[in-house]
């Protein structure tokens, strides 16, 4: 994962900024911390990209940015349950379609959860919860 970030994200940013890797505004320690936060589920890939962009601009530790920007991933099942239940109620027609076998309709429900959480939801937990709640067979 770390090698992937170095060879794609960091390399691209350095190229655009016309910087050598030795002049990178992101230290190896900070990049490693960012990756650790993805691995432990504190932030999603999408959130990590936002943090990475800010790290490149400011050289600030990702832990500080996550706290400052208040964008850590929501993994608390109480909150996930509430968000999903609200989305299922709001997207009644999609819920009926999912239960009738139209699995693609689940995307409308998941989209509502994403909107309600401002993109901070843990996507795996949301998908697993909705799939289980609506008895979707994978």
N, C-alpha and C. Protein backbone atom coordinates (compact mmCIF):
# COMPACT_ATOMS: atom_id res chain seq x y z
N UNK A 1 0.83 -1.20 0.00
CA UNK A 1 0.00 0.00 0.00
C UNK A 1 0.87 1.26 0.00
N UNK A 2 1.89 1.23 0.83
CA UNK A 2 2.81 2.39 0.89
C UNK A 2 3.51 2.59 -0.45
N UNK A 3 3.98 1.50 -1.04
CA UNK A 3 4.66 1.59 -2.33
C UNK A 3 3.72 2.15 -3.40
N UNK A 4 2.46 1.76 -3.34
CA UNK A 4 1.47 2.25 -4.29
C UNK A 4 1.29 3.77 -4.15
N UNK A 5 1.20 4.26 -2.93
CA UNK A 5 1.04 5.70 -2.71
C UNK A 5 2.27 6.47 -3.20
N UNK A 6 3.44 5.90 -2.96
CA UNK A 6 4.67 6.56 -3.40
C UNK A 6 4.74 6.60 -4.92
N UNK A 7 4.44 5.47 -5.55
CA UNK A 7 4.59 5.40 -7.00
C UNK A 7 3.47 6.09 -7.77
N UNK A 8 2.34 6.32 -7.16
CA UNK A 8 1.25 6.98 -7.88
C UNK A 8 0.98 8.38 -7.34
N UNK A 9 0.41 8.46 -6.16
CA UNK A 9 -0.03 9.75 -5.61
C UNK A 9 1.14 10.72 -5.41
N UNK A 10 2.15 10.28 -4.69
CA UNK A 10 3.28 11.17 -4.41
C UNK A 10 4.05 11.49 -5.68
N UNK A 11 4.31 10.50 -6.50
CA UNK A 11 5.05 10.74 -7.74
C UNK A 11 4.33 11.75 -8.63
N UNK A 12 3.02 11.62 -8.71
CA UNK A 12 2.23 12.55 -9.53
C UNK A 12 2.31 13.97 -8.98
N UNK A 13 2.13 14.12 -7.69
CA UNK A 13 2.19 15.46 -7.07
C UNK A 13 3.57 16.08 -7.25
N UNK A 14 4.61 15.28 -7.06
CA UNK A 14 5.97 15.79 -7.23
C UNK A 14 6.22 16.21 -8.67
N UNK A 15 5.73 15.41 -9.60
CA UNK A 15 5.90 15.72 -11.03
C UNK A 15 5.21 17.06 -11.37
N UNK A 16 3.98 17.21 -10.93
CA UNK A 16 3.22 18.44 -11.21
C UNK A 16 3.92 19.65 -10.59
N UNK A 17 4.43 19.47 -9.37
CA UNK A 17 5.11 20.58 -8.67
C UNK A 17 6.56 20.75 -9.12
N UNK A 18 7.02 19.85 -10.00
CA UNK A 18 8.41 19.87 -10.49
C UNK A 18 9.41 19.78 -9.33
N UNK A 19 9.13 18.85 -8.42
CA UNK A 19 10.00 18.64 -7.26
C UNK A 19 10.63 17.25 -7.33
N UNK A 20 11.84 17.16 -6.83
CA UNK A 20 12.52 15.88 -6.67
C UNK A 20 11.99 15.25 -5.38
N UNK A 21 12.03 13.93 -5.30
CA UNK A 21 11.53 13.25 -4.10
C UNK A 21 12.26 13.71 -2.83
N UNK A 22 13.51 14.11 -2.97
CA UNK A 22 14.27 14.61 -1.82
C UNK A 22 13.72 15.93 -1.29
N UNK A 23 12.95 16.63 -2.11
CA UNK A 23 12.36 17.92 -1.73
C UNK A 23 10.87 17.78 -1.41
N UNK A 24 10.41 16.56 -1.26
CA UNK A 24 8.99 16.31 -1.00
C UNK A 24 8.53 16.99 0.30
N UNK A 25 7.40 17.67 0.24
CA UNK A 25 6.87 18.29 1.46
C UNK A 25 6.25 17.27 2.42
N UNK A 26 6.12 16.03 1.95
CA UNK A 26 5.58 14.96 2.80
C UNK A 26 6.71 14.04 3.21
N UNK A 27 6.94 13.96 4.50
CA UNK A 27 8.01 13.08 5.00
C UNK A 27 7.56 11.63 4.93
N UNK A 28 8.51 10.73 4.95
CA UNK A 28 8.18 9.30 4.93
C UNK A 28 7.39 8.92 6.18
N UNK A 29 7.72 9.56 7.30
CA UNK A 29 7.00 9.30 8.55
C UNK A 29 5.53 9.69 8.42
N UNK A 30 5.27 10.86 7.83
CA UNK A 30 3.89 11.32 7.68
C UNK A 30 3.11 10.45 6.70
N UNK A 31 3.76 10.04 5.61
CA UNK A 31 3.09 9.18 4.64
C UNK A 31 2.76 7.83 5.28
N UNK A 32 3.68 7.33 6.07
CA UNK A 32 3.45 6.07 6.77
C UNK A 32 2.27 6.19 7.75
N UNK A 33 2.19 7.30 8.45
CA UNK A 33 1.06 7.54 9.37
C UNK A 33 -0.27 7.59 8.61
N UNK A 34 -0.25 8.22 7.46
CA UNK A 34 -1.46 8.29 6.64
C UNK A 34 -1.93 6.89 6.26
N UNK A 35 -1.01 6.08 5.79
CA UNK A 35 -1.32 4.70 5.39
C UNK A 35 -1.82 3.90 6.59
N UNK A 36 -1.21 4.09 7.74
CA UNK A 36 -1.65 3.39 8.96
C UNK A 36 -3.10 3.72 9.28
N UNK A 37 -3.47 4.98 9.09
CA UNK A 37 -4.85 5.39 9.35
C UNK A 37 -5.85 4.74 8.39
N UNK A 38 -5.42 4.48 7.18
CA UNK A 38 -6.28 3.76 6.23
C UNK A 38 -6.42 2.31 6.68
N UNK A 39 -5.29 1.69 7.02
CA UNK A 39 -5.28 0.28 7.40
C UNK A 39 -6.15 0.01 8.62
N UNK A 40 -6.09 0.87 9.62
CA UNK A 40 -6.88 0.65 10.84
C UNK A 40 -8.33 1.10 10.69
N UNK A 41 -8.66 1.69 9.54
CA UNK A 41 -10.04 2.08 9.29
C UNK A 41 -10.46 3.42 9.86
N UNK A 42 -9.49 4.20 10.29
CA UNK A 42 -9.82 5.52 10.84
C UNK A 42 -10.27 6.46 9.73
N UNK A 43 -9.69 6.29 8.54
CA UNK A 43 -10.08 7.09 7.38
C UNK A 43 -10.25 6.18 6.18
N UNK A 44 -11.07 6.62 5.26
CA UNK A 44 -11.27 5.87 4.01
C UNK A 44 -10.23 6.30 2.99
N UNK A 45 -10.21 5.62 1.87
CA UNK A 45 -9.30 5.96 0.77
C UNK A 45 -9.61 7.38 0.29
N UNK A 46 -10.89 7.69 0.16
CA UNK A 46 -11.32 9.01 -0.30
C UNK A 46 -10.86 10.11 0.65
N UNK A 47 -11.03 9.89 1.94
CA UNK A 47 -10.60 10.87 2.94
C UNK A 47 -9.08 10.98 2.94
N UNK A 48 -8.40 9.85 2.77
CA UNK A 48 -6.93 9.85 2.74
C UNK A 48 -6.41 10.75 1.62
N UNK A 49 -7.10 10.75 0.49
CA UNK A 49 -6.66 11.60 -0.62
C UNK A 49 -6.80 13.09 -0.25
N UNK A 50 -7.85 13.44 0.47
CA UNK A 50 -8.02 14.82 0.92
C UNK A 50 -6.90 15.20 1.88
N UNK A 51 -6.62 14.31 2.82
CA UNK A 51 -5.56 14.55 3.80
C UNK A 51 -4.21 14.66 3.09
N UNK A 52 -3.97 13.76 2.13
CA UNK A 52 -2.73 13.76 1.38
C UNK A 52 -2.52 15.10 0.67
N UNK A 53 -3.57 15.59 0.02
CA UNK A 53 -3.47 16.89 -0.68
C UNK A 53 -3.09 18.00 0.29
N UNK A 54 -3.70 17.98 1.46
CA UNK A 54 -3.40 19.01 2.47
C UNK A 54 -1.99 18.83 3.03
N UNK A 55 -1.57 17.59 3.21
CA UNK A 55 -0.20 17.32 3.67
C UNK A 55 0.81 17.86 2.66
N UNK A 56 0.52 17.68 1.38
CA UNK A 56 1.45 18.15 0.34
C UNK A 56 1.57 19.67 0.38
N UNK A 57 0.46 20.34 0.64
CA UNK A 57 0.47 21.81 0.69
C UNK A 57 1.15 22.35 1.95
N UNK A 58 0.97 21.64 3.08
CA UNK A 58 1.36 22.21 4.37
C UNK A 58 2.46 21.47 5.13
N UNK A 59 2.75 20.24 4.75
CA UNK A 59 3.71 19.38 5.47
C UNK A 59 3.28 19.05 6.89
N UNK A 60 2.00 19.19 7.18
CA UNK A 60 1.49 18.93 8.53
C UNK A 60 1.24 17.43 8.72
N UNK A 61 1.47 16.95 9.93
CA UNK A 61 1.24 15.57 10.32
C UNK A 61 -0.21 15.18 10.02
N UNK A 62 -0.44 14.01 9.41
CA UNK A 62 -1.80 13.61 9.07
C UNK A 62 -2.73 13.47 10.28
N UNK A 63 -2.18 13.08 11.42
CA UNK A 63 -3.00 12.97 12.63
C UNK A 63 -3.59 14.33 13.01
N UNK A 64 -2.79 15.35 12.90
CA UNK A 64 -3.24 16.71 13.21
C UNK A 64 -4.30 17.14 12.20
N UNK A 65 -4.07 16.85 10.93
CA UNK A 65 -5.03 17.22 9.89
C UNK A 65 -6.36 16.50 10.06
N UNK A 66 -6.32 15.23 10.39
CA UNK A 66 -7.55 14.46 10.59
C UNK A 66 -8.37 15.08 11.72
N UNK A 67 -7.70 15.43 12.81
CA UNK A 67 -8.40 16.05 13.93
C UNK A 67 -8.90 17.45 13.58
N UNK A 68 -8.03 18.23 12.95
CA UNK A 68 -8.36 19.62 12.60
C UNK A 68 -9.51 19.68 11.59
N UNK A 69 -9.48 18.81 10.61
CA UNK A 69 -10.50 18.82 9.55
C UNK A 69 -11.76 18.04 9.95
N UNK A 70 -11.70 17.35 11.08
CA UNK A 70 -12.83 16.57 11.58
C UNK A 70 -13.42 15.68 10.49
N UNK A 71 -12.57 14.87 9.88
CA UNK A 71 -13.04 14.02 8.78
C UNK A 71 -12.70 12.54 8.97
N UNK A 72 -12.55 12.14 10.21
CA UNK A 72 -12.28 10.72 10.40
C UNK A 72 -13.52 9.92 10.00
N UNK A 73 -13.29 8.70 9.62
CA UNK A 73 -14.33 7.82 9.13
C UNK A 73 -15.26 7.42 10.27
N UNK A 74 -16.55 7.35 9.98
CA UNK A 74 -17.54 6.91 10.97
C UNK A 74 -17.61 5.39 10.94
N UNK A 75 -17.19 4.77 12.04
CA UNK A 75 -17.22 3.31 12.14
C UNK A 75 -18.04 2.85 13.35
N UNK A 76 -18.58 3.79 14.10
CA UNK A 76 -19.41 3.48 15.26
C UNK A 76 -20.72 2.87 14.75
N UNK A 77 -20.99 1.62 15.11
CA UNK A 77 -22.17 0.92 14.59
C UNK A 77 -23.48 1.57 15.03
N UNK A 78 -23.50 2.27 16.13
CA UNK A 78 -24.72 2.97 16.54
C UNK A 78 -25.05 4.05 15.52
N UNK A 79 -24.03 4.78 15.10
CA UNK A 79 -24.24 5.85 14.12
C UNK A 79 -24.52 5.25 12.75
N UNK A 80 -23.78 4.22 12.36
CA UNK A 80 -24.00 3.56 11.08
C UNK A 80 -25.43 3.03 11.00
N UNK A 81 -25.88 2.39 12.06
CA UNK A 81 -27.24 1.85 12.10
C UNK A 81 -28.27 2.96 11.92
N UNK A 82 -28.08 4.06 12.63
CA UNK A 82 -29.01 5.18 12.53
C UNK A 82 -29.04 5.74 11.10
N UNK A 83 -27.87 5.97 10.53
CA UNK A 83 -27.79 6.51 9.17
C UNK A 83 -28.46 5.57 8.16
N UNK A 84 -28.18 4.28 8.29
CA UNK A 84 -28.74 3.30 7.36
C UNK A 84 -30.25 3.18 7.52
N UNK A 85 -30.72 3.13 8.75
CA UNK A 85 -32.17 3.04 8.99
C UNK A 85 -32.90 4.26 8.41
N UNK A 86 -32.32 5.44 8.60
CA UNK A 86 -32.92 6.65 8.04
C UNK A 86 -32.95 6.58 6.51
N UNK A 87 -31.85 6.13 5.92
CA UNK A 87 -31.77 6.04 4.46
C UNK A 87 -32.76 5.01 3.92
N UNK A 88 -32.91 3.91 4.60
CA UNK A 88 -33.86 2.87 4.18
C UNK A 88 -35.29 3.42 4.22
N UNK A 89 -35.61 4.20 5.25
CA UNK A 89 -36.94 4.80 5.34
C UNK A 89 -37.16 5.86 4.26
N UNK A 90 -36.14 6.69 4.04
CA UNK A 90 -36.25 7.76 3.04
C UNK A 90 -36.33 7.20 1.62
N UNK A 91 -35.66 6.13 1.37
CA UNK A 91 -35.63 5.52 0.03
C UNK A 91 -36.52 4.28 0.00
N UNK A 92 -37.77 4.48 0.38
CA UNK A 92 -38.71 3.37 0.49
C UNK A 92 -38.83 2.59 -0.82
N UNK A 93 -38.97 3.31 -1.94
CA UNK A 93 -39.13 2.63 -3.24
C UNK A 93 -37.90 1.78 -3.57
N UNK A 94 -36.72 2.32 -3.30
CA UNK A 94 -35.49 1.56 -3.55
C UNK A 94 -35.45 0.32 -2.65
N UNK A 95 -35.93 0.46 -1.42
CA UNK A 95 -35.96 -0.66 -0.48
C UNK A 95 -36.87 -1.76 -1.01
N UNK A 96 -38.04 -1.38 -1.51
CA UNK A 96 -38.97 -2.34 -2.09
C UNK A 96 -38.33 -3.04 -3.28
N UNK A 97 -37.65 -2.28 -4.12
CA UNK A 97 -36.99 -2.86 -5.30
C UNK A 97 -35.90 -3.85 -4.91
N UNK A 98 -35.10 -3.49 -3.90
CA UNK A 98 -34.03 -4.39 -3.43
C UNK A 98 -34.64 -5.69 -2.94
N UNK A 99 -35.70 -5.59 -2.14
CA UNK A 99 -36.35 -6.78 -1.59
C UNK A 99 -37.01 -7.62 -2.68
N UNK A 100 -37.30 -6.98 -3.82
CA UNK A 100 -37.91 -7.70 -4.95
C UNK A 100 -36.86 -8.30 -5.88
N UNK A 101 -35.59 -8.10 -5.55
CA UNK A 101 -34.53 -8.71 -6.33
C UNK A 101 -33.69 -7.76 -7.16
N UNK A 102 -34.05 -6.48 -7.21
CA UNK A 102 -33.25 -5.49 -7.95
C UNK A 102 -32.11 -5.00 -7.06
N UNK A 103 -31.03 -5.72 -7.06
CA UNK A 103 -29.90 -5.43 -6.17
C UNK A 103 -29.29 -4.06 -6.46
N UNK A 104 -29.32 -3.60 -7.71
CA UNK A 104 -28.74 -2.29 -8.05
C UNK A 104 -29.43 -1.14 -7.31
N UNK A 105 -30.68 -1.33 -6.91
CA UNK A 105 -31.41 -0.28 -6.21
C UNK A 105 -30.79 0.04 -4.85
N UNK A 106 -29.95 -0.85 -4.35
CA UNK A 106 -29.27 -0.62 -3.07
C UNK A 106 -28.36 0.61 -3.15
N UNK A 107 -27.90 0.93 -4.37
CA UNK A 107 -27.03 2.09 -4.56
C UNK A 107 -27.70 3.39 -4.14
N UNK A 108 -29.01 3.51 -4.34
CA UNK A 108 -29.74 4.72 -3.93
C UNK A 108 -29.74 4.86 -2.41
N UNK A 109 -29.86 3.74 -1.73
CA UNK A 109 -29.86 3.76 -0.26
C UNK A 109 -28.47 4.11 0.25
N UNK A 110 -27.47 3.47 -0.31
CA UNK A 110 -26.08 3.75 0.08
C UNK A 110 -25.73 5.20 -0.22
N UNK A 111 -26.18 5.71 -1.35
CA UNK A 111 -25.94 7.11 -1.70
C UNK A 111 -26.51 8.07 -0.67
N UNK A 112 -27.67 7.73 -0.14
CA UNK A 112 -28.30 8.56 0.90
C UNK A 112 -27.46 8.54 2.18
N UNK A 113 -26.92 7.38 2.52
CA UNK A 113 -26.04 7.29 3.70
C UNK A 113 -24.79 8.14 3.49
N UNK A 114 -24.22 8.07 2.30
CA UNK A 114 -23.03 8.86 1.99
C UNK A 114 -23.33 10.35 2.14
N UNK A 115 -24.48 10.77 1.61
CA UNK A 115 -24.87 12.18 1.70
C UNK A 115 -25.06 12.60 3.16
N UNK A 116 -25.75 11.77 3.93
CA UNK A 116 -26.03 12.08 5.34
C UNK A 116 -24.76 12.16 6.18
N UNK A 117 -23.76 11.37 5.82
CA UNK A 117 -22.51 11.33 6.61
C UNK A 117 -21.43 12.23 6.02
N UNK A 118 -21.77 12.96 4.98
CA UNK A 118 -20.79 13.80 4.28
C UNK A 118 -19.59 13.00 3.80
N UNK A 119 -19.86 11.77 3.37
CA UNK A 119 -18.80 10.92 2.84
C UNK A 119 -17.88 10.34 3.88
N UNK A 120 -18.27 10.39 5.16
CA UNK A 120 -17.40 9.92 6.22
C UNK A 120 -17.73 8.50 6.69
N UNK A 121 -18.74 7.89 6.11
CA UNK A 121 -19.15 6.55 6.53
C UNK A 121 -18.09 5.51 6.19
N UNK A 122 -18.06 4.45 6.97
CA UNK A 122 -17.20 3.32 6.64
C UNK A 122 -17.98 2.52 5.59
N UNK A 123 -17.54 2.55 4.32
CA UNK A 123 -18.34 1.94 3.26
C UNK A 123 -18.61 0.45 3.45
N UNK A 124 -17.65 -0.27 3.97
CA UNK A 124 -17.85 -1.71 4.18
C UNK A 124 -18.92 -1.96 5.23
N UNK A 125 -18.87 -1.21 6.34
CA UNK A 125 -19.88 -1.39 7.39
C UNK A 125 -21.28 -1.03 6.88
N UNK A 126 -21.37 0.04 6.12
CA UNK A 126 -22.67 0.46 5.57
C UNK A 126 -23.20 -0.60 4.63
N UNK A 127 -22.36 -1.05 3.71
CA UNK A 127 -22.79 -2.06 2.75
C UNK A 127 -23.20 -3.34 3.46
N UNK A 128 -22.41 -3.79 4.40
CA UNK A 128 -22.72 -5.02 5.14
C UNK A 128 -24.03 -4.88 5.91
N UNK A 129 -24.23 -3.73 6.57
CA UNK A 129 -25.43 -3.52 7.37
C UNK A 129 -26.68 -3.53 6.49
N UNK A 130 -26.66 -2.76 5.41
CA UNK A 130 -27.83 -2.66 4.53
C UNK A 130 -28.12 -4.01 3.87
N UNK A 131 -27.07 -4.68 3.42
CA UNK A 131 -27.24 -5.99 2.79
C UNK A 131 -27.89 -6.98 3.76
N UNK A 132 -27.43 -6.97 4.99
CA UNK A 132 -27.98 -7.88 6.00
C UNK A 132 -29.41 -7.49 6.35
N UNK A 133 -29.62 -6.20 6.57
CA UNK A 133 -30.95 -5.72 6.99
C UNK A 133 -32.00 -6.02 5.92
N UNK A 134 -31.64 -5.90 4.65
CA UNK A 134 -32.60 -6.13 3.57
C UNK A 134 -32.54 -7.56 3.03
N UNK A 135 -31.77 -8.41 3.70
CA UNK A 135 -31.66 -9.84 3.35
C UNK A 135 -31.23 -10.04 1.89
N UNK A 136 -30.23 -9.28 1.48
CA UNK A 136 -29.73 -9.39 0.11
C UNK A 136 -28.73 -10.53 0.04
N UNK A 137 -28.95 -11.40 -0.93
CA UNK A 137 -28.02 -12.52 -1.14
C UNK A 137 -26.98 -12.08 -2.15
N UNK A 138 -25.71 -12.23 -1.79
CA UNK A 138 -24.62 -11.82 -2.70
C UNK A 138 -24.22 -12.94 -3.62
